[in-house]
Amino acid sequence: IYDEPSCTEGFLDNIVQIIGYGSENGKPYWLGRTHWGENWGEKGYFRMARGKNMCRIAEVVIQIANTKKNGSIQQYNNISVYFIFFLTIIIYLMKNI
């Protein structure tokens, strides 16, 4: 579980998808993934300390509501992910003007 106290500053230049949460040995964590592929982290996934805003993970959050299409959850394509990344950067910049 990534828990590095010095990871609190810097420009928000990445987007991650939080896909779950859990606890290990009493330490709560977020389960997430990035676009870096299976050769990074835990086969493309990571666990990061929850409840600490580690690496500013909780600073700009965008939630996409699940929508149903033909009885299953609709999948979002890469264009949607890049648009969300763009929106995240714009929101961050607007907050700091």
N, C-alpha and C. Protein backbone atom coordinates (compact mmCIF):
# COMPACT_ATOMS: atom_id res chain seq x y z
N ILE A 1 0.86 -1.18 0.00
CA ILE A 1 0.00 0.00 0.00
C ILE A 1 0.90 1.23 0.00
N TYR A 2 0.73 2.08 -1.02
CA TYR A 2 1.56 3.28 -1.12
C TYR A 2 1.12 4.28 -0.07
N ASP A 3 2.03 4.68 0.80
CA ASP A 3 1.74 5.63 1.88
C ASP A 3 3.00 6.45 2.12
N GLU A 4 3.18 7.48 1.33
CA GLU A 4 4.39 8.31 1.37
C GLU A 4 4.01 9.73 1.79
N PRO A 5 4.34 10.15 3.02
CA PRO A 5 3.95 11.47 3.51
C PRO A 5 4.44 12.63 2.64
N SER A 6 5.54 12.48 1.93
CA SER A 6 6.07 13.58 1.11
C SER A 6 5.31 13.75 -0.21
N CYS A 7 4.39 12.86 -0.52
CA CYS A 7 3.63 12.95 -1.77
C CYS A 7 2.38 13.81 -1.55
N THR A 8 2.60 15.14 -1.40
CA THR A 8 1.48 16.04 -1.12
C THR A 8 1.45 17.26 -2.03
N GLU A 9 2.51 17.51 -2.78
CA GLU A 9 2.57 18.71 -3.60
C GLU A 9 2.84 18.36 -5.05
N GLY A 10 2.80 19.39 -5.89
CA GLY A 10 3.10 19.20 -7.30
C GLY A 10 1.87 19.40 -8.17
N PHE A 11 2.12 19.49 -9.44
CA PHE A 11 1.06 19.72 -10.43
C PHE A 11 0.30 18.43 -10.67
N LEU A 12 -1.01 18.54 -10.73
CA LEU A 12 -1.84 17.37 -11.04
C LEU A 12 -1.74 17.09 -12.53
N ASP A 13 -0.99 16.06 -12.89
CA ASP A 13 -0.73 15.80 -14.30
C ASP A 13 -1.09 14.38 -14.72
N ASN A 14 -1.93 13.73 -13.96
CA ASN A 14 -2.29 12.36 -14.29
C ASN A 14 -3.74 12.12 -13.90
N ILE A 15 -4.31 11.13 -14.50
CA ILE A 15 -5.67 10.74 -14.14
C ILE A 15 -5.64 9.26 -13.79
N VAL A 16 -6.34 8.92 -12.74
CA VAL A 16 -6.45 7.52 -12.33
C VAL A 16 -7.92 7.18 -12.18
N GLN A 17 -8.19 5.92 -12.22
CA GLN A 17 -9.56 5.45 -12.04
C GLN A 17 -9.59 4.64 -10.75
N ILE A 18 -10.39 5.09 -9.80
CA ILE A 18 -10.56 4.34 -8.56
C ILE A 18 -11.64 3.30 -8.81
N ILE A 19 -11.29 2.04 -8.60
CA ILE A 19 -12.22 0.96 -8.91
C ILE A 19 -12.69 0.20 -7.68
N GLY A 20 -12.13 0.57 -6.53
CA GLY A 20 -12.56 -0.10 -5.31
C GLY A 20 -11.78 0.39 -4.11
N TYR A 21 -12.02 -0.25 -3.00
CA TYR A 21 -11.30 0.07 -1.78
C TYR A 21 -11.26 -1.16 -0.90
N GLY A 22 -10.39 -1.10 0.08
CA GLY A 22 -10.27 -2.23 0.99
C GLY A 22 -9.44 -1.85 2.19
N SER A 23 -9.04 -2.85 2.94
CA SER A 23 -8.22 -2.66 4.12
C SER A 23 -7.30 -3.87 4.26
N GLU A 24 -6.06 -3.61 4.60
CA GLU A 24 -5.10 -4.69 4.81
C GLU A 24 -4.33 -4.40 6.09
N ASN A 25 -4.37 -5.34 7.02
CA ASN A 25 -3.72 -5.16 8.32
C ASN A 25 -4.16 -3.86 9.00
N GLY A 26 -5.45 -3.52 8.88
CA GLY A 26 -5.99 -2.32 9.51
C GLY A 26 -5.70 -1.03 8.78
N LYS A 27 -5.06 -1.10 7.60
CA LYS A 27 -4.74 0.10 6.83
C LYS A 27 -5.70 0.21 5.65
N PRO A 28 -6.59 1.23 5.65
CA PRO A 28 -7.52 1.39 4.54
C PRO A 28 -6.80 1.88 3.28
N TYR A 29 -7.25 1.41 2.12
CA TYR A 29 -6.62 1.83 0.87
C TYR A 29 -7.65 1.97 -0.24
N TRP A 30 -7.27 2.76 -1.25
CA TRP A 30 -8.01 2.84 -2.51
C TRP A 30 -7.37 1.85 -3.47
N LEU A 31 -8.18 1.18 -4.26
CA LEU A 31 -7.69 0.32 -5.33
C LEU A 31 -7.93 1.07 -6.63
N GLY A 32 -6.88 1.28 -7.40
CA GLY A 32 -7.02 2.06 -8.62
C GLY A 32 -6.17 1.52 -9.75
N ARG A 33 -6.33 2.16 -10.91
CA ARG A 33 -5.52 1.80 -12.07
C ARG A 33 -5.24 3.06 -12.89
N THR A 34 -4.20 2.97 -13.68
CA THR A 34 -3.83 4.07 -14.57
C THR A 34 -3.82 3.55 -16.00
N HIS A 35 -3.35 4.38 -16.89
CA HIS A 35 -3.25 3.99 -18.31
C HIS A 35 -1.85 3.45 -18.63
N TRP A 36 -1.03 3.18 -17.63
CA TRP A 36 0.36 2.79 -17.86
C TRP A 36 0.53 1.32 -18.20
N GLY A 37 -0.50 0.52 -18.11
CA GLY A 37 -0.41 -0.88 -18.53
C GLY A 37 -0.03 -1.84 -17.42
N GLU A 38 0.00 -3.12 -17.78
CA GLU A 38 0.19 -4.19 -16.81
C GLU A 38 1.62 -4.31 -16.28
N ASN A 39 2.59 -3.67 -16.91
CA ASN A 39 3.97 -3.74 -16.44
C ASN A 39 4.26 -2.78 -15.30
N TRP A 40 3.28 -1.98 -14.91
CA TRP A 40 3.45 -1.01 -13.84
C TRP A 40 2.68 -1.46 -12.60
N GLY A 41 3.19 -1.17 -11.43
CA GLY A 41 2.49 -1.43 -10.18
C GLY A 41 2.17 -2.90 -9.97
N GLU A 42 0.97 -3.18 -9.53
CA GLU A 42 0.51 -4.54 -9.30
C GLU A 42 -0.30 -4.99 -10.53
N LYS A 43 0.42 -5.30 -11.61
CA LYS A 43 -0.19 -5.67 -12.90
C LYS A 43 -1.11 -4.57 -13.41
N GLY A 44 -0.66 -3.32 -13.29
CA GLY A 44 -1.41 -2.18 -13.78
C GLY A 44 -2.30 -1.53 -12.74
N TYR A 45 -2.39 -2.11 -11.57
CA TYR A 45 -3.23 -1.57 -10.50
C TYR A 45 -2.34 -1.06 -9.37
N PHE A 46 -2.93 -0.28 -8.49
CA PHE A 46 -2.21 0.21 -7.32
C PHE A 46 -3.14 0.26 -6.11
N ARG A 47 -2.52 0.21 -4.96
CA ARG A 47 -3.24 0.43 -3.70
C ARG A 47 -2.60 1.63 -3.03
N MET A 48 -3.43 2.63 -2.69
CA MET A 48 -2.93 3.86 -2.10
C MET A 48 -3.69 4.13 -0.81
N ALA A 49 -2.96 4.60 0.21
CA ALA A 49 -3.57 4.88 1.51
C ALA A 49 -4.83 5.73 1.34
N ARG A 50 -5.89 5.31 2.00
CA ARG A 50 -7.18 6.00 1.92
C ARG A 50 -7.37 6.85 3.17
N GLY A 51 -7.98 8.03 3.00
CA GLY A 51 -8.27 8.92 4.11
C GLY A 51 -7.19 9.94 4.39
N LYS A 52 -6.18 10.03 3.51
CA LYS A 52 -5.06 10.95 3.71
C LYS A 52 -4.85 11.91 2.55
N ASN A 53 -5.65 11.83 1.50
CA ASN A 53 -5.45 12.60 0.27
C ASN A 53 -4.03 12.40 -0.25
N MET A 54 -3.57 11.17 -0.17
CA MET A 54 -2.22 10.81 -0.61
C MET A 54 -2.01 11.22 -2.07
N CYS A 55 -0.93 11.93 -2.35
CA CYS A 55 -0.60 12.42 -3.69
C CYS A 55 -1.75 13.24 -4.29
N ARG A 56 -2.55 13.85 -3.42
CA ARG A 56 -3.67 14.71 -3.82
C ARG A 56 -4.74 13.93 -4.60
N ILE A 57 -4.87 12.65 -4.30
CA ILE A 57 -5.78 11.78 -5.04
C ILE A 57 -7.25 12.20 -4.89
N ALA A 58 -7.57 12.88 -3.79
CA ALA A 58 -8.96 13.26 -3.54
C ALA A 58 -9.22 14.74 -3.81
N GLU A 59 -8.27 15.42 -4.43
CA GLU A 59 -8.41 16.86 -4.61
C GLU A 59 -9.37 17.24 -5.74
N VAL A 60 -9.28 16.59 -6.86
CA VAL A 60 -10.20 16.83 -7.98
C VAL A 60 -10.80 15.49 -8.36
N VAL A 61 -12.06 15.31 -8.06
CA VAL A 61 -12.73 14.04 -8.31
C VAL A 61 -13.88 14.26 -9.28
N ILE A 62 -13.94 13.44 -10.30
CA ILE A 62 -15.05 13.47 -11.25
C ILE A 62 -15.65 12.08 -11.27
N GLN A 63 -16.95 12.02 -11.07
CA GLN A 63 -17.64 10.73 -11.08
C GLN A 63 -18.51 10.64 -12.31
N ILE A 64 -18.41 9.51 -12.99
CA ILE A 64 -19.29 9.23 -14.12
C ILE A 64 -20.34 8.27 -13.63
N ALA A 65 -21.59 8.65 -13.80
CA ALA A 65 -22.67 7.77 -13.37
C ALA A 65 -22.75 6.56 -14.28
N ASN A 66 -23.02 5.41 -13.71
CA ASN A 66 -23.23 4.21 -14.51
C ASN A 66 -24.52 4.35 -15.30
N THR A 67 -24.47 4.03 -16.55
CA THR A 67 -25.68 4.03 -17.37
C THR A 67 -25.87 2.64 -17.93
N LYS A 68 -27.10 2.23 -18.04
CA LYS A 68 -27.37 0.88 -18.55
C LYS A 68 -27.75 0.96 -20.02
N LYS A 69 -27.23 0.02 -20.77
CA LYS A 69 -27.53 -0.07 -22.20
C LYS A 69 -27.68 -1.55 -22.51
N ASN A 70 -28.84 -1.93 -22.95
CA ASN A 70 -29.13 -3.34 -23.26
C ASN A 70 -28.87 -4.26 -22.07
N GLY A 71 -29.21 -3.78 -20.87
CA GLY A 71 -29.10 -4.62 -19.68
C GLY A 71 -27.71 -4.73 -19.08
N SER A 72 -26.72 -4.04 -19.63
CA SER A 72 -25.38 -4.10 -19.05
C SER A 72 -24.85 -2.69 -18.88
N ILE A 73 -23.83 -2.54 -18.08
CA ILE A 73 -23.24 -1.23 -17.86
C ILE A 73 -22.47 -0.82 -19.11
N GLN A 74 -22.73 0.38 -19.58
CA GLN A 74 -22.07 0.88 -20.78
C GLN A 74 -20.59 1.15 -20.49
N GLN A 75 -19.74 0.73 -21.38
CA GLN A 75 -18.32 0.98 -21.25
C GLN A 75 -17.98 2.33 -21.86
N TYR A 76 -17.04 3.04 -21.25
CA TYR A 76 -16.61 4.32 -21.76
C TYR A 76 -15.31 4.15 -22.53
N ASN A 77 -15.22 4.80 -23.66
CA ASN A 77 -14.03 4.63 -24.49
C ASN A 77 -12.92 5.59 -24.08
N ASN A 78 -11.78 5.49 -24.74
CA ASN A 78 -10.63 6.32 -24.40
C ASN A 78 -10.89 7.80 -24.59
N ILE A 79 -11.73 8.16 -25.55
CA ILE A 79 -12.04 9.58 -25.76
C ILE A 79 -12.67 10.15 -24.50
N SER A 80 -13.57 9.42 -23.87
CA SER A 80 -14.18 9.88 -22.63
C SER A 80 -13.13 10.07 -21.54
N VAL A 81 -12.20 9.14 -21.43
CA VAL A 81 -11.16 9.23 -20.41
C VAL A 81 -10.28 10.44 -20.65
N TYR A 82 -9.88 10.69 -21.89
CA TYR A 82 -9.05 11.85 -22.18
C TYR A 82 -9.81 13.15 -21.94
N PHE A 83 -11.10 13.16 -22.24
CA PHE A 83 -11.92 14.34 -21.98
C PHE A 83 -11.97 14.63 -20.49
N ILE A 84 -12.12 13.59 -19.68
CA ILE A 84 -12.14 13.76 -18.23
C ILE A 84 -10.80 14.29 -17.74
N PHE A 85 -9.70 13.79 -18.30
CA PHE A 85 -8.38 14.29 -17.94
C PHE A 85 -8.27 15.78 -18.26
N PHE A 86 -8.71 16.17 -19.45
CA PHE A 86 -8.70 17.57 -19.86
C PHE A 86 -9.53 18.40 -18.90
N LEU A 87 -10.73 17.93 -18.56
CA LEU A 87 -11.59 18.64 -17.62
C LEU A 87 -10.94 18.79 -16.26
N THR A 88 -10.28 17.75 -15.80
CA THR A 88 -9.60 17.78 -14.51
C THR A 88 -8.54 18.87 -14.48
N ILE A 89 -7.75 18.96 -15.53
CA ILE A 89 -6.70 19.99 -15.60
C ILE A 89 -7.33 21.38 -15.61
N ILE A 90 -8.39 21.58 -16.38
CA ILE A 90 -9.07 22.88 -16.44
C ILE A 90 -9.61 23.27 -15.07
N ILE A 91 -10.25 22.33 -14.38
CA ILE A 91 -10.79 22.61 -13.04
C ILE A 91 -9.67 22.99 -12.10
N TYR A 92 -8.57 22.26 -12.14
CA TYR A 92 -7.43 22.56 -11.27
C TYR A 92 -6.89 23.96 -11.56
N LEU A 93 -6.72 24.29 -12.82
CA LEU A 93 -6.19 25.61 -13.17
C LEU A 93 -7.15 26.72 -12.75
N MET A 94 -8.45 26.50 -12.90
CA MET A 94 -9.44 27.51 -12.51
C MET A 94 -9.42 27.74 -11.00
N LYS A 95 -9.19 26.69 -10.23
CA LYS A 95 -9.15 26.83 -8.77
C LYS A 95 -7.96 27.65 -8.32
N ASN A 96 -6.92 27.71 -9.12
CA ASN A 96 -5.68 28.39 -8.72
C ASN A 96 -5.50 29.76 -9.37
N ILE A 97 -6.54 30.28 -9.99
CA ILE A 97 -6.45 31.63 -10.60
C ILE A 97 -6.70 32.67 -9.55
